[in-house]
C-alpha atoms as a PDB file:
ATOM      1  CA  MET A   1      76.700  76.096 -41.438  1.00  0.00           C
ATOM      2  CA  ALA A   2      74.110  73.366 -41.764  1.00  0.00           C
ATOM      3  CA  GLY A   3      73.862  70.725 -39.083  1.00  0.00           C
ATOM      4  CA  PRO A   4      73.973  66.986 -39.649  1.00  0.00           C
ATOM      5  CA  GLN A   5      70.978  65.536 -41.459  1.00  0.00           C
ATOM      6  CA  ARG A   6      69.066  62.751 -39.857  1.00  0.00           C
ATOM      7  CA  MET A   7      67.874  59.792 -41.867  1.00  0.00           C
ATOM      8  CA  ALA A   8      64.285  58.736 -41.589  1.00  0.00           C
ATOM      9  CA  PRO A   9      63.724  55.467 -39.743  1.00  0.00           C
ATOM     10  CA  PRO A  10      63.039  52.382 -41.878  1.00  0.00           C
ATOM     11  CA  PRO A  11      59.401  51.667 -42.695  1.00  0.00           C
ATOM     12  CA  ASP A  12      57.472  49.612 -40.166  1.00  0.00           C
ATOM     13  CA  ASP A  13      55.653  47.619 -42.842  1.00  0.00           C
ATOM     14  CA  GLU A  14      56.775  44.056 -42.179  1.00  0.00           C
ATOM     15  CA  ASP A  15      54.195  42.521 -44.550  1.00  0.00           C
ATOM     16  CA  ASP A  16      56.261  43.268 -47.659  1.00  0.00           C
ATOM     17  CA  ASP A  17      59.534  41.932 -46.293  1.00  0.00           C
ATOM     18  CA  ILE A  18      60.536  38.421 -47.248  1.00  0.00           C
ATOM     19  CA  GLU A  19      61.728  36.594 -44.178  1.00  0.00           C
ATOM     20  CA  VAL A  20      65.000  34.798 -44.771  1.00  0.00           C
ATOM     21  CA  THR A  21      65.434  31.763 -42.582  1.00  0.00           C
ATOM     22  CA  PRO A  22      67.393  28.527 -42.941  1.00  0.00           C
ATOM     23  CA  GLU A  23      64.105  26.882 -43.930  1.00  0.00           C
ATOM     24  CA  THR A  24      63.321  29.394 -46.702  1.00  0.00           C
ATOM     25  CA  ILE A  25      66.885  29.160 -47.989  1.00  0.00           C
ATOM     26  CA  ALA A  26      66.694  25.345 -48.096  1.00  0.00           C
ATOM     27  CA  ARG A  27      63.242  25.472 -49.723  1.00  0.00           C
ATOM     28  CA  ASP A  28      64.418  27.913 -52.399  1.00  0.00           C
ATOM     29  CA  ARG A  29      67.573  25.874 -53.049  1.00  0.00           C
ATOM     30  CA  LYS A  30      65.538  22.679 -53.508  1.00  0.00           C
ATOM     31  CA  ARG A  31      63.123  24.475 -55.834  1.00  0.00           C
ATOM     32  CA  ARG A  32      65.993  25.844 -57.957  1.00  0.00           C
ATOM     33  CA  GLN A  33      67.673  22.436 -58.092  1.00  0.00           C
ATOM     34  CA  ALA A  34      64.416  20.781 -59.180  1.00  0.00           C
ATOM     35  CA  GLU A  35      63.917  23.404 -61.897  1.00  0.00           C
ATOM     36  CA  GLU A  36      67.491  22.964 -63.140  1.00  0.00           C
ATOM     37  CA  LYS A  37      67.170  19.186 -63.130  1.00  0.00           C
ATOM     38  CA  ALA A  38      63.940  19.347 -65.125  1.00  0.00           C
ATOM     39  CA  ALA A  39      65.507  21.748 -67.604  1.00  0.00           C
ATOM     40  CA  GLN A  40      68.512  19.498 -68.054  1.00  0.00           C
ATOM     41  CA  ALA A  41      66.701  16.170 -68.216  1.00  0.00           C
ATOM     42  CA  MET A  42      68.389  14.176 -70.924  1.00  0.00           C
ATOM     43  CA  THR A  43      67.803  10.863 -72.579  1.00  0.00           C
ATOM     44  CA  ARG A  44      69.703   8.459 -74.745  1.00  0.00           C
ATOM     45  CA  ARG A  45      68.077   7.011 -77.847  1.00  0.00           C
ATOM     46  CA  SER A  46      69.284   4.529 -80.411  1.00  0.00           C
ATOM     47  CA  TRP A  47      68.451   4.717 -84.106  1.00  0.00           C
ATOM     48  CA  TYR A  48      70.059   3.000 -87.054  1.00  0.00           C
ATOM     49  CA  THR A  49      71.100   4.954 -90.117  1.00  0.00           C
ATOM     50  CA  ARG A  50      73.610   4.807 -92.928  1.00  0.00           C
ATOM     51  CA  SER A  51      77.222   5.237 -91.794  1.00  0.00           C
ATOM     52  CA  ALA A  52      77.784   8.204 -94.094  1.00  0.00           C
ATOM     53  CA  VAL A  53      74.799  10.032 -92.582  1.00  0.00           C
ATOM     54  CA  ALA A  54      75.971   9.322 -89.023  1.00  0.00           C
ATOM     55  CA  ASP A  55      79.475  10.489 -89.921  1.00  0.00           C
ATOM     56  CA  ALA A  56      78.123  13.702 -91.469  1.00  0.00           C
ATOM     57  CA  PHE A  57      75.989  14.353 -88.377  1.00  0.00           C
ATOM     58  CA  GLN A  58      78.990  13.790 -86.097  1.00  0.00           C
ATOM     59  CA  ALA A  59      81.108  16.125 -88.225  1.00  0.00           C
ATOM     60  CA  ALA A  60      78.423  18.823 -88.018  1.00  0.00           C
ATOM     61  CA  VAL A  61      78.224  18.410 -84.234  1.00  0.00           C
ATOM     62  CA  ASP A  62      82.010  18.630 -83.916  1.00  0.00           C
ATOM     63  CA  ASP A  63      82.271  21.677 -86.206  1.00  0.00           C
ATOM     64  CA  ILE A  64      79.567  23.591 -84.337  1.00  0.00           C
ATOM     65  CA  HIS A  65      80.979  22.558 -80.965  1.00  0.00           C
ATOM     66  CA  HIS A  66      84.498  23.699 -81.860  1.00  0.00           C
ATOM     67  CA  SER A  67      83.376  26.995 -83.391  1.00  0.00           C
ATOM     68  CA  THR A  68      80.925  27.941 -80.610  1.00  0.00           C
ATOM     69  CA  ARG A  69      82.278  25.976 -77.623  1.00  0.00           C
ATOM     70  CA  ALA A  70      78.666  25.093 -76.838  1.00  0.00           C
ATOM     71  CA  PRO A  71      78.405  21.711 -75.092  1.00  0.00           C
ATOM     72  CA  LYS A  72      77.903  18.860 -77.538  1.00  0.00           C
ATOM     73  CA  HIS A  73      74.565  17.869 -75.996  1.00  0.00           C
ATOM     74  CA  GLU A  74      73.291  21.395 -76.720  1.00  0.00           C
ATOM     75  CA  VAL A  75      74.560  21.190 -80.306  1.00  0.00           C
ATOM     76  CA  VAL A  76      72.851  17.824 -80.817  1.00  0.00           C
ATOM     77  CA  ALA A  77      69.612  19.188 -79.332  1.00  0.00           C
ATOM     78  CA  ALA A  78      69.709  22.251 -81.601  1.00  0.00           C
ATOM     79  CA  LEU A  79      70.308  20.114 -84.700  1.00  0.00           C
ATOM     80  CA  LEU A  80      67.502  17.723 -83.762  1.00  0.00           C
ATOM     81  CA  GLU A  81      65.136  20.649 -83.124  1.00  0.00           C
ATOM     82  CA  ALA A  82      66.019  22.034 -86.563  1.00  0.00           C
ATOM     83  CA  ALA A  83      65.297  18.620 -88.077  1.00  0.00           C
ATOM     84  CA  VAL A  84      61.929  18.444 -86.315  1.00  0.00           C
ATOM     85  CA  GLY A  85      61.125  21.839 -87.796  1.00  0.00           C
ATOM     86  CA  GLN A  86      61.652  20.329 -91.262  1.00  0.00           C
ATOM     87  CA  SER A  87      59.700  17.116 -90.625  1.00  0.00           C
ATOM     88  CA  ALA A  88      56.710  18.032 -92.814  1.00  0.00           C
ATOM     89  CA  ARG A  89      58.990  18.744 -95.781  1.00  0.00           C
ATOM     90  CA  VAL A  90      60.875  15.476 -95.223  1.00  0.00           C
ATOM     91  CA  GLU A  91      57.592  13.567 -95.007  1.00  0.00           C
ATOM     92  CA  ARG A  92      56.435  15.021 -98.339  1.00  0.00           C
ATOM     93  CA  THR A  93      59.760  14.160 -99.973  1.00  0.00           C
ATOM     94  CA  LEU A  94      59.766  10.592 -98.662  1.00  0.00           C
ATOM     95  CA  SER A  95      56.108  10.059 -99.588  1.00  0.00           C
ATOM     96  CA  LYS A  96      56.871  10.936-103.206  1.00  0.00           C
ATOM     97  CA  ALA A  97      60.049   8.856-103.379  1.00  0.00           C
ATOM     98  CA  HIS A  98      59.010   5.700-101.523  1.00  0.00           C
ATOM     99  CA  PRO A  99      58.127   2.740-103.822  1.00  0.00           C
ATOM    100  CA  SER A 100      55.009   1.884-101.810  1.00  0.00           C
ATOM    101  CA  HIS A 101      53.427   5.175-102.911  1.00  0.00           C
ATOM    102  CA  LYS A 102      53.695   4.510-106.656  1.00  0.00           C
END
């Protein structure tokens, strides 16, 4: 019958171990909070547009929000990012249609 096996002692290399102290915990928490705050920085802007366009935008936001349950600010951001991606096409369209370019 085999005797009990002994486990090897833990390595003595202290250089690779991350020391966890109240200070390192507080430092890491502050760093994470700062990163989260920067990622979630939001702003409020005011633009004027036709009522029908604003209503259609609101309806799109509501539809996407209700179907995905994504927060409305994320839906608005995604729609605005999509619009920015189409800005060159919109500029070409408006340049052709605007009376000052005729």
